[in-house]
Amino acid sequence: MLRTDSLKPIPRVGASTRSVRSGASTTRNLRSVQGAAVDIQEKRFGYFPQRFRWRGQAHEVQAVKRCWTKAGRSAQLCFRVRCREGIFDLTQHVKTNIWTLAVVQLNA
């Protein structure tokens, strides 16, 4: 039989709920980076990003971990890359050739 006397009620999710996780502010800051414009400076084999500039700093791609395409109104080529600074998702909007970045994980 399940004992319910030790169970606590689940708090209601709403405007008064706050995250108490350590790093919550870091996560919030990373969300503001989603879709940030980047400059691809070099490609490997004419396709994979090899070096890019973001926030005035050059980042060298150590490995392309994954690549995929998004179809829709405008096609997008997506690359999950690992750099010394962390893991990023780079997206090329094919029609306009504009590249954007989303942070997946930053190294401490």
C-alpha atoms as a PDB file:
ATOM      1  CA  MET A   1       0.000   0.000   0.000  1.00  0.00           C
ATOM      2  CA  LEU A   2       1.246   3.495  -0.813  1.00  0.00           C
ATOM      3  CA  ARG A   3       1.898   5.737   2.170  1.00  0.00           C
ATOM      4  CA  THR A   4       0.750   9.256   1.415  1.00  0.00           C
ATOM      5  CA  ASP A   5       1.463  10.858   4.792  1.00  0.00           C
ATOM      6  CA  SER A   6       5.106  11.572   3.816  1.00  0.00           C
ATOM      7  CA  LEU A   7       4.280  13.055   0.406  1.00  0.00           C
ATOM      8  CA  LYS A   8       4.389  16.820   0.097  1.00  0.00           C
ATOM      9  CA  PRO A   9       1.972  18.659  -2.175  1.00  0.00           C
ATOM     10  CA  ILE A  10       3.392  19.722  -5.527  1.00  0.00           C
ATOM     11  CA  PRO A  11       3.765  23.513  -5.730  1.00  0.00           C
ATOM     12  CA  ARG A  12       1.654  25.280  -8.309  1.00  0.00           C
ATOM     13  CA  VAL A  13       3.506  26.529 -11.359  1.00  0.00           C
ATOM     14  CA  GLY A  14       2.828  30.173 -12.048  1.00  0.00           C
ATOM     15  CA  ALA A  15       4.096  33.711 -11.804  1.00  0.00           C
ATOM     16  CA  SER A  16       5.075  33.370  -8.152  1.00  0.00           C
ATOM     17  CA  THR A  17       7.317  30.356  -8.761  1.00  0.00           C
ATOM     18  CA  ARG A  18      11.067  31.029  -8.943  1.00  0.00           C
ATOM     19  CA  SER A  19      13.869  28.739  -9.942  1.00  0.00           C
ATOM     20  CA  VAL A  20      16.253  27.873  -7.144  1.00  0.00           C
ATOM     21  CA  ARG A  21      18.675  25.917  -9.268  1.00  0.00           C
ATOM     22  CA  SER A  22      22.262  26.993  -9.155  1.00  0.00           C
ATOM     23  CA  GLY A  23      23.087  28.502 -12.516  1.00  0.00           C
ATOM     24  CA  ALA A  24      19.534  29.629 -13.203  1.00  0.00           C
ATOM     25  CA  SER A  25      20.774  33.122 -14.002  1.00  0.00           C
ATOM     26  CA  THR A  26      23.348  31.625 -16.374  1.00  0.00           C
ATOM     27  CA  THR A  27      20.610  29.716 -18.170  1.00  0.00           C
ATOM     28  CA  ARG A  28      18.551  32.888 -18.486  1.00  0.00           C
ATOM     29  CA  ASN A  29      21.561  34.730 -19.934  1.00  0.00           C
ATOM     30  CA  LEU A  30      22.180  31.946 -22.448  1.00  0.00           C
ATOM     31  CA  ARG A  31      18.609  32.169 -23.700  1.00  0.00           C
ATOM     32  CA  SER A  32      19.258  35.773 -24.697  1.00  0.00           C
ATOM     33  CA  VAL A  33      22.063  34.483 -26.957  1.00  0.00           C
ATOM     34  CA  GLN A  34      19.750  32.278 -29.039  1.00  0.00           C
ATOM     35  CA  GLY A  35      19.809  33.498 -32.622  1.00  0.00           C
ATOM     36  CA  ALA A  36      22.847  35.774 -32.218  1.00  0.00           C
ATOM     37  CA  ALA A  37      24.486  36.661 -35.539  1.00  0.00           C
ATOM     38  CA  VAL A  38      27.916  35.186 -36.263  1.00  0.00           C
ATOM     39  CA  ASP A  39      30.468  35.587 -39.029  1.00  0.00           C
ATOM     40  CA  ILE A  40      31.718  32.328 -40.535  1.00  0.00           C
ATOM     41  CA  GLN A  41      35.346  32.952 -41.412  1.00  0.00           C
ATOM     42  CA  GLU A  42      36.349  29.534 -42.737  1.00  0.00           C
ATOM     43  CA  LYS A  43      34.607  26.339 -43.844  1.00  0.00           C
ATOM     44  CA  ARG A  44      36.009  22.839 -43.993  1.00  0.00           C
ATOM     45  CA  PHE A  45      35.407  21.041 -47.300  1.00  0.00           C
ATOM     46  CA  GLY A  46      33.419  24.131 -48.363  1.00  0.00           C
ATOM     47  CA  TYR A  47      30.508  23.017 -46.148  1.00  0.00           C
ATOM     48  CA  PHE A  48      31.266  22.521 -42.434  1.00  0.00           C
ATOM     49  CA  PRO A  49      32.037  25.586 -40.283  1.00  0.00           C
ATOM     50  CA  GLN A  50      35.716  25.567 -39.242  1.00  0.00           C
ATOM     51  CA  ARG A  51      36.193  29.038 -37.725  1.00  0.00           C
ATOM     52  CA  PHE A  52      33.671  31.707 -36.758  1.00  0.00           C
ATOM     53  CA  ARG A  53      33.631  35.087 -35.049  1.00  0.00           C
ATOM     54  CA  TRP A  54      31.099  35.776 -32.300  1.00  0.00           C
ATOM     55  CA  ARG A  55      31.078  38.847 -30.040  1.00  0.00           C
ATOM     56  CA  GLY A  56      34.394  39.977 -31.520  1.00  0.00           C
ATOM     57  CA  GLN A  57      36.198  36.747 -30.601  1.00  0.00           C
ATOM     58  CA  ALA A  58      37.323  34.033 -33.032  1.00  0.00           C
ATOM     59  CA  HIS A  59      36.300  30.454 -32.218  1.00  0.00           C
ATOM     60  CA  GLU A  60      37.997  27.423 -33.781  1.00  0.00           C
ATOM     61  CA  VAL A  61      35.729  24.407 -34.330  1.00  0.00           C
ATOM     62  CA  GLN A  62      37.297  21.262 -32.881  1.00  0.00           C
ATOM     63  CA  ALA A  63      34.560  18.895 -34.070  1.00  0.00           C
ATOM     64  CA  VAL A  64      31.203  18.926 -35.806  1.00  0.00           C
ATOM     65  CA  LYS A  65      29.118  16.702 -33.549  1.00  0.00           C
ATOM     66  CA  ARG A  66      25.913  16.702 -35.606  1.00  0.00           C
ATOM     67  CA  CYS A  67      24.416  18.264 -38.715  1.00  0.00           C
ATOM     68  CA  TRP A  68      20.822  18.390 -39.923  1.00  0.00           C
ATOM     69  CA  THR A  69      18.512  20.385 -42.144  1.00  0.00           C
ATOM     70  CA  LYS A  70      15.280  22.186 -41.358  1.00  0.00           C
ATOM     71  CA  ALA A  71      12.797  22.483 -44.185  1.00  0.00           C
ATOM     72  CA  GLY A  72      10.028  25.036 -44.232  1.00  0.00           C
ATOM     73  CA  ARG A  73       9.485  28.478 -45.666  1.00  0.00           C
ATOM     74  CA  SER A  74      13.239  28.901 -45.780  1.00  0.00           C
ATOM     75  CA  ALA A  75      15.690  26.024 -45.660  1.00  0.00           C
ATOM     76  CA  GLN A  76      18.243  25.979 -42.859  1.00  0.00           C
ATOM     77  CA  LEU A  77      21.451  23.990 -42.408  1.00  0.00           C
ATOM     78  CA  CYS A  78      22.234  23.327 -38.739  1.00  0.00           C
ATOM     79  CA  PHE A  79      25.522  22.247 -37.181  1.00  0.00           C
ATOM     80  CA  ARG A  80      26.234  21.341 -33.554  1.00  0.00           C
ATOM     81  CA  VAL A  81      29.907  22.159 -33.054  1.00  0.00           C
ATOM     82  CA  ARG A  82      32.351  21.758 -30.191  1.00  0.00           C
ATOM     83  CA  CYS A  83      34.909  24.476 -29.531  1.00  0.00           C
ATOM     84  CA  ARG A  84      37.326  25.077 -26.673  1.00  0.00           C
ATOM     85  CA  GLU A  85      34.782  27.524 -25.212  1.00  0.00           C
ATOM     86  CA  GLY A  86      31.789  25.168 -25.354  1.00  0.00           C
ATOM     87  CA  ILE A  87      29.156  23.583 -27.591  1.00  0.00           C
ATOM     88  CA  PHE A  88      27.169  25.722 -30.031  1.00  0.00           C
ATOM     89  CA  ASP A  89      24.454  25.255 -32.627  1.00  0.00           C
ATOM     90  CA  LEU A  90      25.291  27.180 -35.794  1.00  0.00           C
ATOM     91  CA  THR A  91      22.467  27.676 -38.289  1.00  0.00           C
ATOM     92  CA  GLN A  92      22.818  28.861 -41.872  1.00  0.00           C
ATOM     93  CA  HIS A  93      19.694  30.394 -43.368  1.00  0.00           C
ATOM     94  CA  VAL A  94      20.248  29.209 -46.928  1.00  0.00           C
ATOM     95  CA  LYS A  95      18.196  31.834 -48.769  1.00  0.00           C
ATOM     96  CA  THR A  96      19.934  34.830 -47.143  1.00  0.00           C
ATOM     97  CA  ASN A  97      23.244  33.126 -46.193  1.00  0.00           C
ATOM     98  CA  ILE A  98      22.934  34.565 -42.683  1.00  0.00           C
ATOM     99  CA  TRP A  99      24.443  32.493 -39.869  1.00  0.00           C
ATOM    100  CA  THR A 100      23.103  32.496 -36.314  1.00  0.00           C
ATOM    101  CA  LEU A 101      24.321  30.904 -33.107  1.00  0.00           C
ATOM    102  CA  ALA A 102      22.625  29.280 -30.130  1.00  0.00           C
ATOM    103  CA  VAL A 103      24.629  28.297 -27.053  1.00  0.00           C
ATOM    104  CA  VAL A 104      24.140  24.686 -25.962  1.00  0.00           C
ATOM    105  CA  GLN A 105      26.787  24.579 -23.232  1.00  0.00           C
ATOM    106  CA  LEU A 106      29.613  26.850 -22.139  1.00  0.00           C
ATOM    107  CA  ASN A 107      32.751  25.440 -20.560  1.00  0.00           C
ATOM    108  CA  ALA A 108      33.549  26.859 -17.162  1.00  0.00           C
END
